């Protein structure tokens, strides 16, 4: 293989890698938007279900009471769900994606403090 062809092959490979990198970045952004929208819709769905439960209880009926063994409130459960979906909930990085779903002590402090 002559040198010119070798250099041309490297140039072609570089252009191809640049295109692939651009497509990967676009796909990553789209996936991030979808995950954020999914999380938002999941939380909204939970709130709507709770509201429907509240509306379906007629006056005079006993209210559904969660067991006293539950240690965290509904709002903290929502935060825990967001955290489990891979997003930070702490003041420092709120709303940012957790890299490789690694644990964050600040987020854990928000949920369990």
PDB file of N, CA and C in Angstrom:
ATOM      1  N   UNK A   1       0.859  -1.171   0.000  1.00  0.00           N
ATOM      2  CA  UNK A   1       0.000   0.000   0.000  1.00  0.00           C
ATOM      3  C   UNK A   1       0.905   1.233   0.000  1.00  0.00           C
ATOM      4  N   UNK A   2       0.627   2.139  -0.914  1.00  0.00           N
ATOM      5  CA  UNK A   2       1.476   3.334  -0.966  1.00  0.00           C
ATOM      6  C   UNK A   2       1.055   4.354   0.087  1.00  0.00           C
ATOM      7  N   UNK A   3       1.928   5.302   0.314  1.00  0.00           N
ATOM      8  CA  UNK A   3       1.719   6.270   1.399  1.00  0.00           C
ATOM      9  C   UNK A   3       0.500   7.159   1.168  1.00  0.00           C
ATOM     10  N   UNK A   4       0.276   7.570  -0.083  1.00  0.00           N
ATOM     11  CA  UNK A   4      -0.857   8.444  -0.382  1.00  0.00           C
ATOM     12  C   UNK A   4      -2.175   7.746  -0.053  1.00  0.00           C
ATOM     13  N   UNK A   5      -2.280   6.489  -0.443  1.00  0.00           N
ATOM     14  CA  UNK A   5      -3.510   5.753  -0.152  1.00  0.00           C
ATOM     15  C   UNK A   5      -3.695   5.568   1.355  1.00  0.00           C
ATOM     16  N   UNK A   6      -2.610   5.346   2.062  1.00  0.00           N
ATOM     17  CA  UNK A   6      -2.669   5.196   3.507  1.00  0.00           C
ATOM     18  C   UNK A   6      -3.162   6.486   4.172  1.00  0.00           C
ATOM     19  N   UNK A   7      -2.623   7.619   3.732  1.00  0.00           N
ATOM     20  CA  UNK A   7      -3.045   8.912   4.269  1.00  0.00           C
ATOM     21  C   UNK A   7      -4.511   9.175   3.924  1.00  0.00           C
ATOM     22  N   UNK A   8      -4.910   8.862   2.705  1.00  0.00           N
ATOM     23  CA  UNK A   8      -6.311   9.037   2.291  1.00  0.00           C
ATOM     24  C   UNK A   8      -7.245   8.170   3.140  1.00  0.00           C
ATOM     25  N   UNK A   9      -6.826   6.952   3.445  1.00  0.00           N
ATOM     26  CA  UNK A   9      -7.637   6.069   4.284  1.00  0.00           C
ATOM     27  C   UNK A   9      -7.793   6.642   5.691  1.00  0.00           C
ATOM     28  N   UNK A  10      -6.717   7.192   6.233  1.00  0.00           N
ATOM     29  CA  UNK A  10      -6.801   7.818   7.554  1.00  0.00           C
ATOM     30  C   UNK A  10      -7.715   9.040   7.533  1.00  0.00           C
ATOM     31  N   UNK A  11      -7.651   9.840   6.467  1.00  0.00           N
ATOM     32  CA  UNK A  11      -8.536  11.006   6.348  1.00  0.00           C
ATOM     33  C   UNK A  11      -9.998  10.573   6.264  1.00  0.00           C
ATOM     34  N   UNK A  12     -10.265   9.529   5.480  1.00  0.00           N
ATOM     35  CA  UNK A  12     -11.634   9.013   5.381  1.00  0.00           C
ATOM     36  C   UNK A  12     -12.124   8.489   6.726  1.00  0.00           C
ATOM     37  N   UNK A  13     -11.253   7.778   7.420  1.00  0.00           N
ATOM     38  CA  UNK A  13     -11.602   7.242   8.733  1.00  0.00           C
ATOM     39  C   UNK A  13     -11.881   8.376   9.722  1.00  0.00           C
ATOM     40  N   UNK A  14     -11.088   9.433   9.673  1.00  0.00           N
ATOM     41  CA  UNK A  14     -11.286  10.577  10.562  1.00  0.00           C
ATOM     42  C   UNK A  14     -12.631  11.250  10.294  1.00  0.00           C
ATOM     43  N   UNK A  15     -12.981  11.441   9.017  1.00  0.00           N
ATOM     44  CA  UNK A  15     -14.278  12.034   8.669  1.00  0.00           C
ATOM     45  C   UNK A  15     -15.429  11.153   9.160  1.00  0.00           C
ATOM     46  N   UNK A  16     -15.288   9.871   8.975  1.00  0.00           N
ATOM     47  CA  UNK A  16     -16.322   8.936   9.415  1.00  0.00           C
ATOM     48  C   UNK A  16     -16.485   8.972  10.928  1.00  0.00           C
ATOM     49  N   UNK A  17     -15.380   8.984  11.666  1.00  0.00           N
ATOM     50  CA  UNK A  17     -15.450   9.056  13.124  1.00  0.00           C
ATOM     51  C   UNK A  17     -16.067  10.369  13.594  1.00  0.00           C
ATOM     52  N   UNK A  18     -15.781  11.453  12.906  1.00  0.00           N
ATOM     53  CA  UNK A  18     -16.377  12.743  13.249  1.00  0.00           C
ATOM     54  C   UNK A  18     -17.897  12.693  13.061  1.00  0.00           C
ATOM     55  N   UNK A  19     -18.349  12.098  11.966  1.00  0.00           N
ATOM     56  CA  UNK A  19     -19.790  11.958  11.732  1.00  0.00           C
ATOM     57  C   UNK A  19     -20.444  11.082  12.794  1.00  0.00           C
ATOM     58  N   UNK A  20     -19.802   9.976  13.106  1.00  0.00           N
ATOM     59  CA  UNK A  20     -20.361   9.065  14.113  1.00  0.00           C
ATOM     60  C   UNK A  20     -20.418   9.746  15.473  1.00  0.00           C
ATOM     61  N   UNK A  21     -19.379  10.489  15.828  1.00  0.00           N
ATOM     62  CA  UNK A  21     -19.368  11.200  17.107  1.00  0.00           C
ATOM     63  C   UNK A  21     -20.506  12.211  17.173  1.00  0.00           C
ATOM     64  N   UNK A  22     -20.749  12.930  16.084  1.00  0.00           N
ATOM     65  CA  UNK A  22     -21.861  13.877  16.041  1.00  0.00           C
ATOM     66  C   UNK A  22     -23.203  13.185  16.220  1.00  0.00           C
ATOM     67  N   UNK A  23     -23.377  12.060  15.560  1.00  0.00           N
ATOM     68  CA  UNK A  23     -24.624  11.311  15.686  1.00  0.00           C
ATOM     69  C   UNK A  23     -24.799  10.760  17.103  1.00  0.00           C
ATOM     70  N   UNK A  24     -23.709  10.304  17.708  1.00  0.00           N
ATOM     71  CA  UNK A  24     -23.785   9.810  19.083  1.00  0.00           C
ATOM     72  C   UNK A  24     -24.174  10.926  20.044  1.00  0.00           C
ATOM     73  N   UNK A  25     -23.618  12.109  19.864  1.00  0.00           N
ATOM     74  CA  UNK A  25     -23.973  13.239  20.725  1.00  0.00           C
ATOM     75  C   UNK A  25     -25.437  13.612  20.561  1.00  0.00           C
ATOM     76  N   UNK A  26     -25.928  13.624  19.316  1.00  0.00           N
ATOM     77  CA  UNK A  26     -27.339  13.926  19.079  1.00  0.00           C
ATOM     78  C   UNK A  26     -28.242  12.881  19.728  1.00  0.00           C
ATOM     79  N   UNK A  27     -27.867  11.613  19.604  1.00  0.00           N
ATOM     80  CA  UNK A  27     -28.649  10.535  20.197  1.00  0.00           C
ATOM     81  C   UNK A  27     -28.636  10.630  21.714  1.00  0.00           C
ATOM     82  N   UNK A  28     -27.490  10.972  22.286  1.00  0.00           N
ATOM     83  CA  UNK A  28     -27.382  11.118  23.737  1.00  0.00           C
ATOM     84  C   UNK A  28     -28.285  12.243  24.234  1.00  0.00           C
ATOM     85  N   UNK A  29     -28.304  13.375  23.527  1.00  0.00           N
ATOM     86  CA  UNK A  29     -29.183  14.488  23.916  1.00  0.00           C
ATOM     87  C   UNK A  29     -30.649  14.089  23.829  1.00  0.00           C
ATOM     88  N   UNK A  30     -31.000  13.389  22.748  1.00  0.00           N
ATOM     89  CA  UNK A  30     -32.389  12.949  22.594  1.00  0.00           C
ATOM     90  C   UNK A  30     -32.778  11.979  23.702  1.00  0.00           C
ATOM     91  N   UNK A  31     -31.886  11.064  24.048  1.00  0.00           N
ATOM     92  CA  UNK A  31     -32.164  10.111  25.113  1.00  0.00           C
ATOM     93  C   UNK A  31     -32.321  10.821  26.457  1.00  0.00           C
ATOM     94  N   UNK A  32     -31.482  11.799  26.718  1.00  0.00           N
ATOM     95  CA  UNK A  32     -31.581  12.563  27.965  1.00  0.00           C
ATOM     96  C   UNK A  32     -32.930  13.272  28.047  1.00  0.00           C
ATOM     97  N   UNK A  33     -33.360  13.886  26.960  1.00  0.00           N
ATOM     98  CA  UNK A  33     -34.668  14.557  26.943  1.00  0.00           C
ATOM     99  C   UNK A  33     -35.800  13.570  27.194  1.00  0.00           C
ATOM    100  N   UNK A  34     -35.700  12.398  26.580  1.00  0.00           N
ATOM    101  CA  UNK A  34     -36.743  11.383  26.751  1.00  0.00           C
ATOM    102  C   UNK A  34     -36.797  10.899  28.200  1.00  0.00           C
ATOM    103  N   UNK A  35     -35.640  10.668  28.803  1.00  0.00           N
ATOM    104  CA  UNK A  35     -35.614  10.199  30.192  1.00  0.00           C
ATOM    105  C   UNK A  35     -36.168  11.279  31.122  1.00  0.00           C
ATOM    106  N   UNK A  36     -35.806  12.541  30.877  1.00  0.00           N
ATOM    107  CA  UNK A  36     -36.336  13.630  31.701  1.00  0.00           C
ATOM    108  C   UNK A  36     -37.850  13.737  31.552  1.00  0.00           C
ATOM    109  N   UNK A  37     -38.332  13.631  30.318  1.00  0.00           N
ATOM    110  CA  UNK A  37     -39.777  13.694  30.087  1.00  0.00           C
ATOM    111  C   UNK A  37     -40.478  12.506  30.746  1.00  0.00           C
ATOM    112  N   UNK A  38     -39.871  11.334  30.666  1.00  0.00           N
ATOM    113  CA  UNK A  38     -40.444  10.144  31.279  1.00  0.00           C
ATOM    114  C   UNK A  38     -40.550  10.323  32.789  1.00  0.00           C
ATOM    115  N   UNK A  39     -39.513  10.861  33.395  1.00  0.00           N
ATOM    116  CA  UNK A  39     -39.529  11.086  34.840  1.00  0.00           C
ATOM    117  C   UNK A  39     -40.612  12.087  35.216  1.00  0.00           C
ATOM    118  N   UNK A  40     -40.712  13.159  34.453  1.00  0.00           N
ATOM    119  CA  UNK A  40     -41.740  14.171  34.702  1.00  0.00           C
ATOM    120  C   UNK A  40     -43.136  13.566  34.579  1.00  0.00           C
ATOM    121  N   UNK A  41     -43.346  12.782  33.544  1.00  0.00           N
ATOM    122  CA  UNK A  41     -44.654  12.160  33.341  1.00  0.00           C
ATOM    123  C   UNK A  41     -44.972  11.131  34.427  1.00  0.00           C
ATOM    124  N   UNK A  42     -43.950  10.404  34.885  1.00  0.00           N
ATOM    125  CA  UNK A  42     -44.167   9.426  35.953  1.00  0.00           C
ATOM    126  C   UNK A  42     -44.616  10.124  37.237  1.00  0.00           C
ATOM    127  N   UNK A  43     -43.964  11.237  37.574  1.00  0.00           N
ATOM    128  CA  UNK A  43     -44.332  11.985  38.781  1.00  0.00           C
ATOM    129  C   UNK A  43     -45.734  12.563  38.630  1.00  0.00           C
ATOM    130  N   UNK A  44     -46.016  13.130  37.455  1.00  0.00           N
ATOM    131  CA  UNK A  44     -47.353  13.685  37.221  1.00  0.00           C
ATOM    132  C   UNK A  44     -48.416  12.589  37.311  1.00  0.00           C
ATOM    133  N   UNK A  45     -48.114  11.418  36.781  1.00  0.00           N
ATOM    134  CA  UNK A  45     -49.039  10.292  36.836  1.00  0.00           C
ATOM    135  C   UNK A  45     -49.321   9.888  38.279  1.00  0.00           C
ATOM    136  N   UNK A  46     -48.276   9.840  39.106  1.00  0.00           N
ATOM    137  CA  UNK A  46     -48.463   9.503  40.519  1.00  0.00           C
ATOM    138  C   UNK A  46     -49.362  10.533  41.206  1.00  0.00           C
ATOM    139  N   UNK A  47     -49.123  11.803  40.926  1.00  0.00           N
ATOM    140  CA  UNK A  47     -49.936  12.857  41.543  1.00  0.00           C
ATOM    141  C   UNK A  47     -51.392  12.766  41.095  1.00  0.00           C
ATOM    142  N   UNK A  48     -51.611  12.460  39.820  1.00  0.00           N
ATOM    143  CA  UNK A  48     -52.980  12.329  39.319  1.00  0.00           C
ATOM    144  C   UNK A  48     -53.688  11.130  39.962  1.00  0.00           C
ATOM    145  N   UNK A  49     -52.956  10.034  40.144  1.00  0.00           N
ATOM    146  CA  UNK A  49     -53.552   8.873  40.816  1.00  0.00           C
ATOM    147  C   UNK A  49     -53.925   9.202  42.255  1.00  0.00           C
ATOM    148  N   UNK A  50     -53.026   9.922  42.943  1.00  0.00           N
ATOM    149  CA  UNK A  50     -53.326  10.329  44.316  1.00  0.00           C
ATOM    150  C   UNK A  50     -54.556  11.234  44.349  1.00  0.00           C
ATOM    151  N   UNK A  51     -54.635  12.134  43.396  1.00  0.00           N
ATOM    152  CA  UNK A  51     -55.785  13.057  43.336  1.00  0.00           C
ATOM    153  C   UNK A  51     -57.071  12.280  43.069  1.00  0.00           C
ATOM    154  N   UNK A  52     -57.013  11.298  42.163  1.00  0.00           N
ATOM    155  CA  UNK A  52     -58.188  10.469  41.893  1.00  0.00           C
ATOM    156  C   UNK A  52     -58.606   9.684  43.132  1.00  0.00           C
ATOM    157  N   UNK A  53     -57.632   9.173  43.863  1.00  0.00           N
ATOM    158  CA  UNK A  53     -57.952   8.466  45.107  1.00  0.00           C
ATOM    159  C   UNK A  53     -58.636   9.395  46.098  1.00  0.00           C
ATOM    160  N   UNK A  54     -58.128  10.633  46.209  1.00  0.00           N
ATOM    161  CA  UNK A  54     -58.735  11.607  47.112  1.00  0.00           C
ATOM    162  C   UNK A  54     -60.164  11.941  46.684  1.00  0.00           C
ATOM    163  N   UNK A  55     -60.397  12.090  45.384  1.00  0.00           N
ATOM    164  CA  UNK A  55     -61.725  12.430  44.886  1.00  0.00           C
ATOM    165  C   UNK A  55     -62.699  11.264  44.998  1.00  0.00           C
ATOM    166  N   UNK A  56     -62.176  10.041  44.930  1.00  0.00           N
ATOM    167  CA  UNK A  56     -63.071   8.887  44.981  1.00  0.00           C
ATOM    168  C   UNK A  56     -63.559   8.587  46.401  1.00  0.00           C
ATOM    169  N   UNK A  57     -62.889   9.142  47.397  1.00  0.00           N
ATOM    170  CA  UNK A  57     -63.328   8.944  48.787  1.00  0.00           C
ATOM    171  C   UNK A  57     -64.522   9.857  49.077  1.00  0.00           C
ATOM    172  N   UNK A  58     -65.632   9.247  49.377  1.00  0.00           N
ATOM    173  CA  UNK A  58     -66.829  10.027  49.693  1.00  0.00           C
ATOM    174  C   UNK A  58     -66.740  10.536  51.125  1.00  0.00           C
ATOM    175  N   UNK A  59     -67.423  11.647  51.441  1.00  0.00           N
ATOM    176  CA  UNK A  59     -67.407  12.131  52.826  1.00  0.00           C
ATOM    177  C   UNK A  59     -67.972  11.073  53.757  1.00  0.00           C
ATOM    178  N   UNK A  60     -67.337  10.923  54.896  1.00  0.00           N
ATOM    179  CA  UNK A  60     -67.787   9.945  55.874  1.00  0.00           C
ATOM    180  C   UNK A  60     -67.071   8.612  55.777  1.00  0.00           C
ATOM    181  N   UNK A  61     -66.439   8.329  54.620  1.00  0.00           N
ATOM    182  CA  UNK A  61     -65.696   7.084  54.510  1.00  0.00           C
ATOM    183  C   UNK A  61     -64.359   7.233  55.220  1.00  0.00           C
ATOM    184  N   UNK A  62     -63.841   6.123  55.637  1.00  0.00           N
ATOM    185  CA  UNK A  62     -62.535   6.166  56.291  1.00  0.00           C
ATOM    186  C   UNK A  62     -61.474   6.504  55.261  1.00  0.00           C
ATOM    187  N   UNK A  63     -60.551   7.352  55.662  1.00  0.00           N
ATOM    188  CA  UNK A  63     -59.443   7.711  54.778  1.00  0.00           C
ATOM    189  C   UNK A  63     -58.430   6.574  54.774  1.00  0.00           C
ATOM    190  N   UNK A  64     -57.852   6.370  53.616  1.00  0.00           N
ATOM    191  CA  UNK A  64     -56.802   5.362  53.521  1.00  0.00           C
ATOM    192  C   UNK A  64     -55.546   5.930  54.177  1.00  0.00           C
ATOM    193  N   UNK A  65     -55.083   5.205  55.176  1.00  0.00           N
ATOM    194  CA  UNK A  65     -53.899   5.648  55.904  1.00  0.00           C
ATOM    195  C   UNK A  65     -52.777   4.666  55.617  1.00  0.00           C
ATOM    196  N   UNK A  66     -51.618   5.193  55.241  1.00  0.00           N
ATOM    197  CA  UNK A  66     -50.475   4.323  54.987  1.00  0.00           C
ATOM    198  C   UNK A  66     -49.958   3.795  56.309  1.00  0.00           C
ATOM    199  N   UNK A  67     -49.331   2.663  56.252  1.00  0.00           N
ATOM    200  CA  UNK A  67     -48.837   2.042  57.483  1.00  0.00           C
ATOM    201  C   UNK A  67     -47.789   2.920  58.139  1.00  0.00           C
ATOM    202  N   UNK A  68     -47.720   2.809  59.448  1.00  0.00           N
ATOM    203  CA  UNK A  68     -46.778   3.639  60.187  1.00  0.00           C
ATOM    204  C   UNK A  68     -45.348   3.150  60.029  1.00  0.00           C
ATOM    205  N   UNK A  69     -45.186   2.012  59.362  1.00  0.00           N
ATOM    206  CA  UNK A  69     -43.831   1.501  59.156  1.00  0.00           C
ATOM    207  C   UNK A  69     -43.108   2.257  58.057  1.00  0.00           C
ATOM    208  N   UNK A  70     -43.842   3.028  57.251  1.00  0.00           N
ATOM    209  CA  UNK A  70     -43.207   3.798  56.193  1.00  0.00           C
ATOM    210  C   UNK A  70     -42.387   4.915  56.829  1.00  0.00           C
ATOM    211  N   UNK A  71     -41.137   4.991  56.471  1.00  0.00           N
ATOM    212  CA  UNK A  71     -40.226   5.892  57.144  1.00  0.00           C
ATOM    213  C   UNK A  71     -40.066   7.243  56.455  1.00  0.00           C
ATOM    214  N   UNK A  72     -40.385   7.338  55.158  1.00  0.00           N
ATOM    215  CA  UNK A  72     -40.197   8.612  54.467  1.00  0.00           C
ATOM    216  C   UNK A  72     -41.509   9.069  53.840  1.00  0.00           C
ATOM    217  N   UNK A  73     -41.628  10.375  53.671  1.00  0.00           N
ATOM    218  CA  UNK A  73     -42.863  10.973  53.166  1.00  0.00           C
ATOM    219  C   UNK A  73     -43.010  10.749  51.659  1.00  0.00           C
ATOM    220  N   UNK A  74     -44.183  11.118  51.129  1.00  0.00           N
ATOM    221  CA  UNK A  74     -44.442  10.991  49.701  1.00  0.00           C
ATOM    222  C   UNK A  74     -43.470  11.828  48.884  1.00  0.00           C
ATOM    223  N   UNK A  75     -43.200  13.042  49.342  1.00  0.00           N
ATOM    224  CA  UNK A  75     -42.295  13.912  48.590  1.00  0.00           C
ATOM    225  C   UNK A  75     -40.888  13.322  48.547  1.00  0.00           C
ATOM    226  N   UNK A  76     -40.464  12.730  49.642  1.00  0.00           N
ATOM    227  CA  UNK A  76     -39.141  12.098  49.639  1.00  0.00           C
ATOM    228  C   UNK A  76     -39.143  10.836  48.774  1.00  0.00           C
ATOM    229  N   UNK A  77     -40.271  10.126  48.724  1.00  0.00           N
ATOM    230  CA  UNK A  77     -40.373   8.980  47.816  1.00  0.00           C
ATOM    231  C   UNK A  77     -40.267   9.424  46.367  1.00  0.00           C
ATOM    232  N   UNK A  78     -40.903  10.565  46.039  1.00  0.00           N
ATOM    233  CA  UNK A  78     -40.784  11.103  44.682  1.00  0.00           C
ATOM    234  C   UNK A  78     -39.341  11.452  44.359  1.00  0.00           C
ATOM    235  N   UNK A  79     -38.657  12.078  45.312  1.00  0.00           N
ATOM    236  CA  UNK A  79     -37.243  12.404  45.110  1.00  0.00           C
ATOM    237  C   UNK A  79     -36.416  11.135  44.938  1.00  0.00           C
ATOM    238  N   UNK A  80     -36.746  10.116  45.719  1.00  0.00           N
ATOM    239  CA  UNK A  80     -36.026   8.851  45.608  1.00  0.00           C
ATOM    240  C   UNK A  80     -36.240   8.226  44.231  1.00  0.00           C
ATOM    241  N   UNK A  81     -37.469   8.330  43.691  1.00  0.00           N
ATOM    242  CA  UNK A  81     -37.741   7.806  42.352  1.00  0.00           C
ATOM    243  C   UNK A  81     -36.937   8.539  41.291  1.00  0.00           C
ATOM    244  N   UNK A  82     -36.856   9.862  41.425  1.00  0.00           N
ATOM    245  CA  UNK A  82     -36.069  10.650  40.475  1.00  0.00           C
ATOM    246  C   UNK A  82     -34.601  10.247  40.564  1.00  0.00           C
ATOM    247  N   UNK A  83     -34.121  10.078  41.791  1.00  0.00           N
ATOM    248  CA  UNK A  83     -32.723   9.668  42.008  1.00  0.00           C
ATOM    249  C   UNK A  83     -32.474   8.297  41.388  1.00  0.00           C
ATOM    250  N   UNK A  84     -33.408   7.376  41.579  1.00  0.00           N
ATOM    251  CA  UNK A  84     -33.253   6.026  41.020  1.00  0.00           C
ATOM    252  C   UNK A  84     -33.308   6.035  39.499  1.00  0.00           C
ATOM    253  N   UNK A  85     -33.957   7.052  38.914  1.00  0.00           N
ATOM    254  CA  UNK A  85     -33.986   7.171  37.456  1.00  0.00           C
ATOM    255  C   UNK A  85     -32.685   7.748  36.912  1.00  0.00           C
ATOM    256  N   UNK A  86     -31.761   8.096  37.817  1.00  0.00           N
ATOM    257  CA  UNK A  86     -30.442   8.516  37.368  1.00  0.00           C
ATOM    258  C   UNK A  86     -30.181  10.005  37.401  1.00  0.00           C
ATOM    259  N   UNK A  87     -30.992  10.763  38.118  1.00  0.00           N
ATOM    260  CA  UNK A  87     -30.810  12.214  38.177  1.00  0.00           C
ATOM    261  C   UNK A  87     -30.449  12.655  39.586  1.00  0.00           C
ATOM    262  N   UNK A  88     -29.657  13.725  39.653  1.00  0.00           N
ATOM    263  CA  UNK A  88     -29.313  14.311  40.948  1.00  0.00           C
ATOM    264  C   UNK A  88     -30.513  15.079  41.494  1.00  0.00           C
ATOM    265  N   UNK A  89     -30.676  15.039  42.813  1.00  0.00           N
ATOM    266  CA  UNK A  89     -31.732  15.804  43.473  1.00  0.00           C
ATOM    267  C   UNK A  89     -31.146  16.740  44.518  1.00  0.00           C
ATOM    268  N   UNK A  90     -29.823  16.756  44.630  1.00  0.00           N
ATOM    269  CA  UNK A  90     -29.155  17.606  45.619  1.00  0.00           C
ATOM    270  C   UNK A  90     -29.031  19.038  45.085  1.00  0.00           C
ATOM    271  N   UNK A  91     -28.777  19.962  45.993  1.00  0.00           N
ATOM    272  CA  UNK A  91     -28.647  21.373  45.616  1.00  0.00           C
ATOM    273  C   UNK A  91     -27.492  21.616  44.655  1.00  0.00           C
ATOM    274  N   UNK A  92     -26.415  20.879  44.801  1.00  0.00           N
ATOM    275  CA  UNK A  92     -25.222  21.114  44.007  1.00  0.00           C
ATOM    276  C   UNK A  92     -25.401  20.751  42.531  1.00  0.00           C
ATOM    277  N   UNK A  93     -26.105  19.661  42.250  1.00  0.00           N
ATOM    278  CA  UNK A  93     -26.188  19.158  40.877  1.00  0.00           C
ATOM    279  C   UNK A  93     -27.626  18.893  40.428  1.00  0.00           C
ATOM    280  N   UNK A  94     -28.599  19.550  41.021  1.00  0.00           N
ATOM    281  CA  UNK A  94     -30.014  19.245  40.800  1.00  0.00           C
ATOM    282  C   UNK A  94     -30.356  19.145  39.316  1.00  0.00           C
ATOM    283  N   UNK A  95     -30.987  18.042  38.931  1.00  0.00           N
ATOM    284  CA  UNK A  95     -31.470  17.842  37.575  1.00  0.00           C
ATOM    285  C   UNK A  95     -30.445  17.295  36.610  1.00  0.00           C
ATOM    286  N   UNK A  96     -29.183  17.263  36.989  1.00  0.00           N
ATOM    287  CA  UNK A  96     -28.157  16.723  36.104  1.00  0.00           C
ATOM    288  C   UNK A  96     -28.165  15.205  36.168  1.00  0.00           C
ATOM    289  N   UNK A  97     -27.796  14.592  35.087  1.00  0.00           N
ATOM    290  CA  UNK A  97     -27.740  13.132  35.009  1.00  0.00           C
ATOM    291  C   UNK A  97     -26.567  12.640  35.854  1.00  0.00           C
ATOM    292  N   UNK A  98     -26.799  11.582  36.643  1.00  0.00           N
ATOM    293  CA  UNK A  98     -25.708  10.979  37.413  1.00  0.00           C
ATOM    294  C   UNK A  98     -24.887  10.111  36.469  1.00  0.00           C
ATOM    295  N   UNK A  99     -23.586  10.336  36.421  1.00  0.00           N
ATOM    296  CA  UNK A  99     -22.708   9.603  35.518  1.00  0.00           C
ATOM    297  C   UNK A  99     -22.621   8.155  35.985  1.00  0.00           C
ATOM    298  N   UNK A 100     -22.951   7.241  35.073  1.00  0.00           N
ATOM    299  CA  UNK A 100     -22.926   5.793  35.357  1.00  0.00           C
ATOM    300  C   UNK A 100     -23.717   5.434  36.607  1.00  0.00           C
ATOM    301  N   UNK A 101     -24.734   6.224  36.935  1.00  0.00           N
ATOM    302  CA  UNK A 101     -25.589   5.988  38.103  1.00  0.00           C
ATOM    303  C   UNK A 101     -24.793   5.810  39.392  1.00  0.00           C
ATOM    304  N   UNK A 102     -23.666   6.515  39.486  1.00  0.00           N
ATOM    305  CA  UNK A 102     -22.873   6.400  40.715  1.00  0.00           C
ATOM    306  C   UNK A 102     -23.578   7.130  41.846  1.00  0.00           C
ATOM    307  N   UNK A 103     -23.428   6.638  43.073  1.00  0.00           N
ATOM    308  CA  UNK A 103     -24.124   7.238  44.208  1.00  0.00           C
ATOM    309  C   UNK A 103     -23.615   8.649  44.510  1.00  0.00           C
ATOM    310  N   UNK A 104     -24.506   9.463  45.066  1.00  0.00           N
ATOM    311  CA  UNK A 104     -24.159  10.839  45.441  1.00  0.00           C
ATOM    312  C   UNK A 104     -24.552  11.031  46.902  1.00  0.00           C
ATOM    313  N   UNK A 105     -23.573  11.343  47.734  1.00  0.00           N
ATOM    314  CA  UNK A 105     -23.858  11.474  49.159  1.00  0.00           C
ATOM    315  C   UNK A 105     -24.745  12.676  49.448  1.00  0.00           C
ATOM    316  N   UNK A 106     -24.677  13.712  48.604  1.00  0.00           N
ATOM    317  CA  UNK A 106     -25.529  14.884  48.813  1.00  0.00           C
ATOM    318  C   UNK A 106     -27.001  14.515  48.547  1.00  0.00           C
ATOM    319  N   UNK A 107     -27.222  13.753  47.483  1.00  0.00           N
ATOM    320  CA  UNK A 107     -28.585  13.313  47.162  1.00  0.00           C
ATOM    321  C   UNK A 107     -29.132  12.403  48.270  1.00  0.00           C
ATOM    322  N   UNK A 108     -28.294  11.491  48.738  1.00  0.00           N
ATOM    323  CA  UNK A 108     -28.735  10.583  49.796  1.00  0.00           C
ATOM    324  C   UNK A 108     -29.078  11.374  51.051  1.00  0.00           C
ATOM    325  N   UNK A 109     -28.338  12.438  51.306  1.00  0.00           N
ATOM    326  CA  UNK A 109     -28.629  13.286  52.462  1.00  0.00           C
ATOM    327  C   UNK A 109     -29.979  13.952  52.324  1.00  0.00           C
ATOM    328  N   UNK A 110     -30.355  14.363  51.107  1.00  0.00           N
ATOM    329  CA  UNK A 110     -31.648  14.993  50.872  1.00  0.00           C
ATOM    330  C   UNK A 110     -32.770  13.998  51.131  1.00  0.00           C
ATOM    331  N   UNK A 111     -32.598  12.781  50.650  1.00  0.00           N
ATOM    332  CA  UNK A 111     -33.660  11.776  50.777  1.00  0.00           C
ATOM    333  C   UNK A 111     -33.809  11.285  52.209  1.00  0.00           C
ATOM    334  N   UNK A 112     -32.710  10.945  52.846  1.00  0.00           N
ATOM    335  CA  UNK A 112     -32.772  10.218  54.106  1.00  0.00           C
ATOM    336  C   UNK A 112     -32.448  11.048  55.345  1.00  0.00           C
ATOM    337  N   UNK A 113     -32.325  12.372  55.206  1.00  0.00           N
ATOM    338  CA  UNK A 113     -32.023  13.177  56.398  1.00  0.00           C
ATOM    339  C   UNK A 113     -33.284  13.615  57.106  1.00  0.00           C
TER     340      UNK A 113
END
